[in-house]
Structure formats: structure tokens, C-alpha cells
N, C-alpha and C. Protein backbone atom coordinates (compact mmCIF):
# COMPACT_ATOMS: atom_id res chain seq x y z
N MET A 1 1.12 -1.32 0.12
CA MET A 1 -0.01 0.16 0.11
C MET A 1 1.20 1.23 0.30
N PHE A 2 0.61 1.81 -0.83
CA PHE A 2 1.40 3.74 -1.06
C PHE A 2 0.31 4.62 -0.25
N THR A 3 1.06 5.82 -0.21
CA THR A 3 -0.25 6.96 0.19
C THR A 3 0.47 7.79 -0.60
N ARG A 4 -0.33 9.29 -0.24
CA ARG A 4 0.19 9.89 -1.49
C ARG A 4 -0.44 11.18 -0.23
N ARG A 5 0.04 12.68 0.05
CA ARG A 5 -0.35 13.12 1.14
C ARG A 5 -0.76 14.07 0.05
N VAL A 6 -1.63 15.18 0.43
CA VAL A 6 -1.69 16.81 -0.16
C VAL A 6 -2.94 17.94 1.34
N SER A 7 -1.99 18.60 1.04
CA SER A 7 -2.69 20.04 1.80
C SER A 7 -2.95 20.62 1.26
N MET A 8 -3.91 21.42 1.95
CA MET A 8 -5.24 22.73 1.37
C MET A 8 -4.79 23.93 2.29
N HIS A 9 -4.93 24.85 1.85
CA HIS A 9 -5.63 26.28 2.77
C HIS A 9 -7.23 26.12 2.39
N LEU A 10 -8.05 26.65 3.63
CA LEU A 10 -9.43 27.13 3.30
C LEU A 10 -9.78 28.15 3.55
N LYS A 11 -11.33 28.76 2.71
CA LYS A 11 -11.03 29.57 3.44
C LYS A 11 -12.25 29.80 4.56
N PRO A 12 -12.49 30.59 5.40
CA PRO A 12 -12.81 30.58 6.15
C PRO A 12 -14.68 30.33 6.15
N ASN A 13 -14.66 30.08 7.22
CA ASN A 13 -16.43 29.22 6.88
C ASN A 13 -17.05 28.55 5.95
N SER A 14 -16.17 27.64 4.73
CA SER A 14 -15.70 26.78 2.99
C SER A 14 -16.11 25.90 3.80
N VAL A 15 -15.92 24.80 5.18
CA VAL A 15 -15.59 23.43 5.85
C VAL A 15 -17.24 22.52 4.60
N ALA A 16 -18.32 22.87 5.36
CA ALA A 16 -19.38 22.40 4.45
C ALA A 16 -19.11 22.54 2.93
N GLU A 17 -18.27 22.88 2.33
CA GLU A 17 -18.34 23.31 1.11
C GLU A 17 -17.54 22.26 0.75
N PHE A 18 -16.36 22.66 1.40
CA PHE A 18 -15.52 21.88 0.73
C PHE A 18 -15.54 20.41 1.18
N THR A 19 -16.05 19.41 1.71
CA THR A 19 -16.72 18.18 2.12
C THR A 19 -17.28 17.87 1.10
N ARG A 20 -18.40 18.97 0.63
CA ARG A 20 -19.41 18.70 -0.76
C ARG A 20 -18.00 18.65 -2.34
N THR A 21 -17.41 19.56 -1.98
CA THR A 21 -16.04 19.56 -3.40
C THR A 21 -15.25 18.03 -3.42
N ILE A 22 -15.11 17.18 -1.83
CA ILE A 22 -14.42 16.19 -1.81
C ILE A 22 -15.14 14.57 -2.46
N GLU A 23 -16.94 14.93 -1.84
CA GLU A 23 -17.21 13.39 -2.33
C GLU A 23 -17.48 13.74 -3.49
N LYS A 24 -18.74 15.04 -3.93
CA LYS A 24 -19.15 14.78 -5.50
C LYS A 24 -17.91 14.91 -6.77
N ASP A 25 -16.94 15.97 -6.19
CA ASP A 25 -15.53 16.24 -7.69
C ASP A 25 -14.33 14.82 -7.32
N ILE A 26 -14.21 15.37 -6.09
CA ILE A 26 -12.94 15.05 -6.42
C ILE A 26 -13.20 13.59 -5.83
N LEU A 27 -13.76 12.73 -5.42
CA LEU A 27 -13.07 11.42 -4.95
C LEU A 27 -13.57 10.81 -6.65
N PRO A 28 -14.87 10.95 -7.19
CA PRO A 28 -14.96 10.00 -8.13
C PRO A 28 -14.09 9.90 -9.98
N LEU A 29 -13.27 11.54 -9.76
CA LEU A 29 -12.06 11.43 -10.72
C LEU A 29 -11.30 10.37 -9.93
N LEU A 30 -10.95 10.08 -8.64
CA LEU A 30 -9.78 9.70 -8.13
C LEU A 30 -10.26 8.11 -8.50
N ARG A 31 -11.20 7.30 -7.99
CA ARG A 31 -12.43 5.97 -7.81
C ARG A 31 -12.01 5.49 -9.83
N LYS A 32 -12.17 6.67 -10.48
CA LYS A 32 -11.42 5.95 -11.96
C LYS A 32 -9.63 5.60 -12.39
N GLN A 33 -9.37 6.61 -11.69
CA GLN A 33 -7.75 5.82 -11.32
C GLN A 33 -7.52 4.78 -11.29
N LYS A 34 -5.96 4.16 -11.88
CA LYS A 34 -5.74 2.34 -11.24
C LYS A 34 -4.82 2.18 -10.31
N GLY A 35 -5.54 1.50 -9.77
CA GLY A 35 -4.93 1.85 -8.63
C GLY A 35 -5.29 2.24 -6.69
N PHE A 36 -6.15 3.10 -7.12
CA PHE A 36 -6.78 3.98 -5.77
C PHE A 36 -7.52 2.93 -4.97
N GLN A 37 -7.74 3.07 -4.11
CA GLN A 37 -8.49 2.75 -3.14
C GLN A 37 -8.95 3.30 -2.46
N ASP A 38 -8.54 4.25 -1.74
CA ASP A 38 -9.76 5.32 -0.60
C ASP A 38 -8.32 6.89 -0.15
N GLU A 39 -9.23 7.63 0.18
CA GLU A 39 -9.25 8.48 0.69
C GLU A 39 -9.07 9.05 2.55
N ILE A 40 -8.90 9.57 2.50
CA ILE A 40 -9.14 9.66 3.94
C ILE A 40 -8.74 11.90 4.37
N THR A 41 -9.24 12.43 4.70
CA THR A 41 -9.45 13.65 4.46
C THR A 41 -9.80 14.33 6.18
N PHE A 42 -8.74 15.13 6.04
CA PHE A 42 -8.10 15.61 7.57
C PHE A 42 -8.89 17.13 8.05
N ILE A 43 -9.47 17.66 8.47
CA ILE A 43 -9.65 19.35 8.66
C ILE A 43 -9.32 19.65 9.81
N GLY A 44 -8.32 21.55 9.68
CA GLY A 44 -8.10 20.91 11.40
C GLY A 44 -8.97 22.52 12.40
N MET A 45 -9.07 21.97 13.45
CA MET A 45 -9.75 22.85 14.82
C MET A 45 -10.31 24.14 13.78
N THR A 46 -9.84 24.78 13.19
CA THR A 46 -9.98 26.13 12.71
C THR A 46 -10.73 26.64 11.56
N GLY A 47 -10.85 25.27 10.94
CA GLY A 47 -11.47 25.03 9.61
C GLY A 47 -11.61 25.59 8.36
N THR A 48 -9.60 25.83 8.45
CA THR A 48 -8.77 26.42 7.12
C THR A 48 -7.70 26.25 6.78
N GLU A 49 -7.59 25.03 7.47
CA GLU A 49 -6.65 23.50 7.10
C GLU A 49 -6.82 22.54 6.88
N ALA A 50 -6.38 21.83 5.71
CA ALA A 50 -7.16 20.63 5.92
C ALA A 50 -6.11 19.77 4.65
N PHE A 51 -6.04 18.50 5.43
CA PHE A 51 -5.37 17.66 4.26
C PHE A 51 -5.86 15.69 3.73
N GLY A 52 -5.16 15.71 2.60
CA GLY A 52 -5.90 14.18 2.45
C GLY A 52 -4.73 13.58 2.49
N ILE A 53 -5.14 11.95 1.89
CA ILE A 53 -4.41 11.37 2.10
C ILE A 53 -5.35 9.96 1.19
N SER A 54 -4.65 9.49 0.06
CA SER A 54 -5.01 8.60 -1.21
C SER A 54 -3.91 7.23 -0.69
N LEU A 55 -4.63 6.35 -0.74
CA LEU A 55 -4.74 5.13 -0.60
C LEU A 55 -4.44 4.59 -1.93
N TRP A 56 -3.09 3.93 -2.60
CA TRP A 56 -3.08 3.01 -3.58
C TRP A 56 -2.35 2.08 -3.70
N ASP A 57 -2.23 0.87 -4.55
CA ASP A 57 -2.09 -0.53 -4.44
C ASP A 57 -0.84 0.06 -4.95
N THR A 58 -0.38 0.53 -6.31
CA THR A 58 1.42 0.67 -6.23
C THR A 58 1.70 2.30 -6.60
N ALA A 59 2.92 2.81 -5.98
CA ALA A 59 3.69 3.96 -5.89
C ALA A 59 3.79 4.18 -7.15
N GLU A 60 3.71 3.53 -8.75
CA GLU A 60 3.10 4.83 -9.96
C GLU A 60 2.25 5.72 -10.09
N PRO A 61 1.25 5.09 -9.75
CA PRO A 61 -0.16 6.32 -9.87
C PRO A 61 0.19 8.01 -9.01
N ARG A 62 0.04 7.31 -7.56
CA ARG A 62 0.35 8.22 -6.57
C ARG A 62 1.98 8.88 -6.89
N LEU A 63 2.40 8.94 -7.74
CA LEU A 63 4.19 9.65 -8.59
C LEU A 63 3.72 10.48 -9.56
N LYS A 64 2.64 10.51 -10.51
CA LYS A 64 1.77 10.82 -11.76
C LYS A 64 0.98 12.33 -10.83
N PRO A 65 2.03 13.65 -11.88
CA PRO A 65 0.65 14.51 -11.28
C PRO A 65 -1.11 14.26 -11.71
N MET A 66 -1.26 15.31 -11.01
CA MET A 66 -3.24 14.61 -10.95
C MET A 66 -3.86 15.72 -11.80
N ARG A 67 -3.93 16.05 -12.16
CA ARG A 67 -4.83 17.22 -13.16
C ARG A 67 -6.28 16.89 -12.31
N LEU A 68 -6.66 18.00 -12.09
CA LEU A 68 -7.95 18.11 -11.00
C LEU A 68 -8.36 18.66 -12.02
N PRO A 69 -10.27 18.92 -11.48
CA PRO A 69 -10.52 20.18 -12.17
C PRO A 69 -10.13 21.46 -11.37
N THR A 70 -10.25 22.92 -12.02
CA THR A 70 -9.12 24.07 -11.15
C THR A 70 -11.19 24.52 -10.54
N ARG A 71 -11.25 24.27 -10.04
CA ARG A 71 -12.57 25.43 -8.51
C ARG A 71 -12.34 26.43 -8.18
N ARG A 72 -11.22 27.59 -8.65
CA ARG A 72 -10.21 29.05 -8.00
C ARG A 72 -11.95 30.20 -8.39
N SER A 73 -13.04 29.44 -7.96
CA SER A 73 -13.54 30.98 -8.55
C SER A 73 -14.13 31.66 -6.89
N THR A 74 -14.47 33.50 -7.08
CA THR A 74 -15.02 33.09 -5.64
C THR A 74 -16.13 32.13 -4.57
N ARG A 75 -16.48 31.39 -5.84
CA ARG A 75 -16.78 30.02 -4.72
C ARG A 75 -16.27 28.96 -3.80
N SER A 76 -14.87 29.01 -4.44
CA SER A 76 -14.25 27.75 -4.15
C SER A 76 -13.69 28.30 -2.57
N PRO A 77 -13.74 26.59 -2.07
CA PRO A 77 -13.62 26.99 -0.48
C PRO A 77 -11.49 26.65 -0.45
N LEU A 78 -11.53 26.65 -1.43
CA LEU A 78 -9.48 26.77 -1.09
C LEU A 78 -9.37 28.15 -1.43
N GLN A 79 -8.38 28.63 -1.03
CA GLN A 79 -7.54 29.85 -0.66
C GLN A 79 -6.72 29.84 -1.66
């Protein structure tokens, strides 16, 4: 089992939207990737920092850069 860690800075008061984005946009894309097993996401106590750990069968997919949809709009939960 191999892991990939991603850290993110969230806009204040955006935890609910961030959770929806992970569930509706990010996880479906990850599930299509060969070797993907699961994702664990943590949100800090202040709600402005988060990180995710994705679990993979092999090191190969986790080492490749992933192209996820850019959601840098005013409604995006990411800073």
C-alpha cells in the first residue's frame, strides 16, 4: 500500500462546501484512477486547513501529477 498526501488552505467558513467538493468532484475522479483504494481527509480545528491522504495499490499512480478540475472561483472553498 502506498500513500499520497495533499495539504490545502481553506477559506473561512467553507468546511461544508469543501466536504461537498471532495465527495462530488474529487472522489469520483480518484475512483477512476488505476490502483486507487481510498481517501482520508482531515480538517483542522480552525476549519482553515485540511489535508488528504489517498491510498494506492502501487507507487506509480501516486507519483504521477494529477490533473483535478480547477475551482478557483469566488465560491471555491480553497484559498
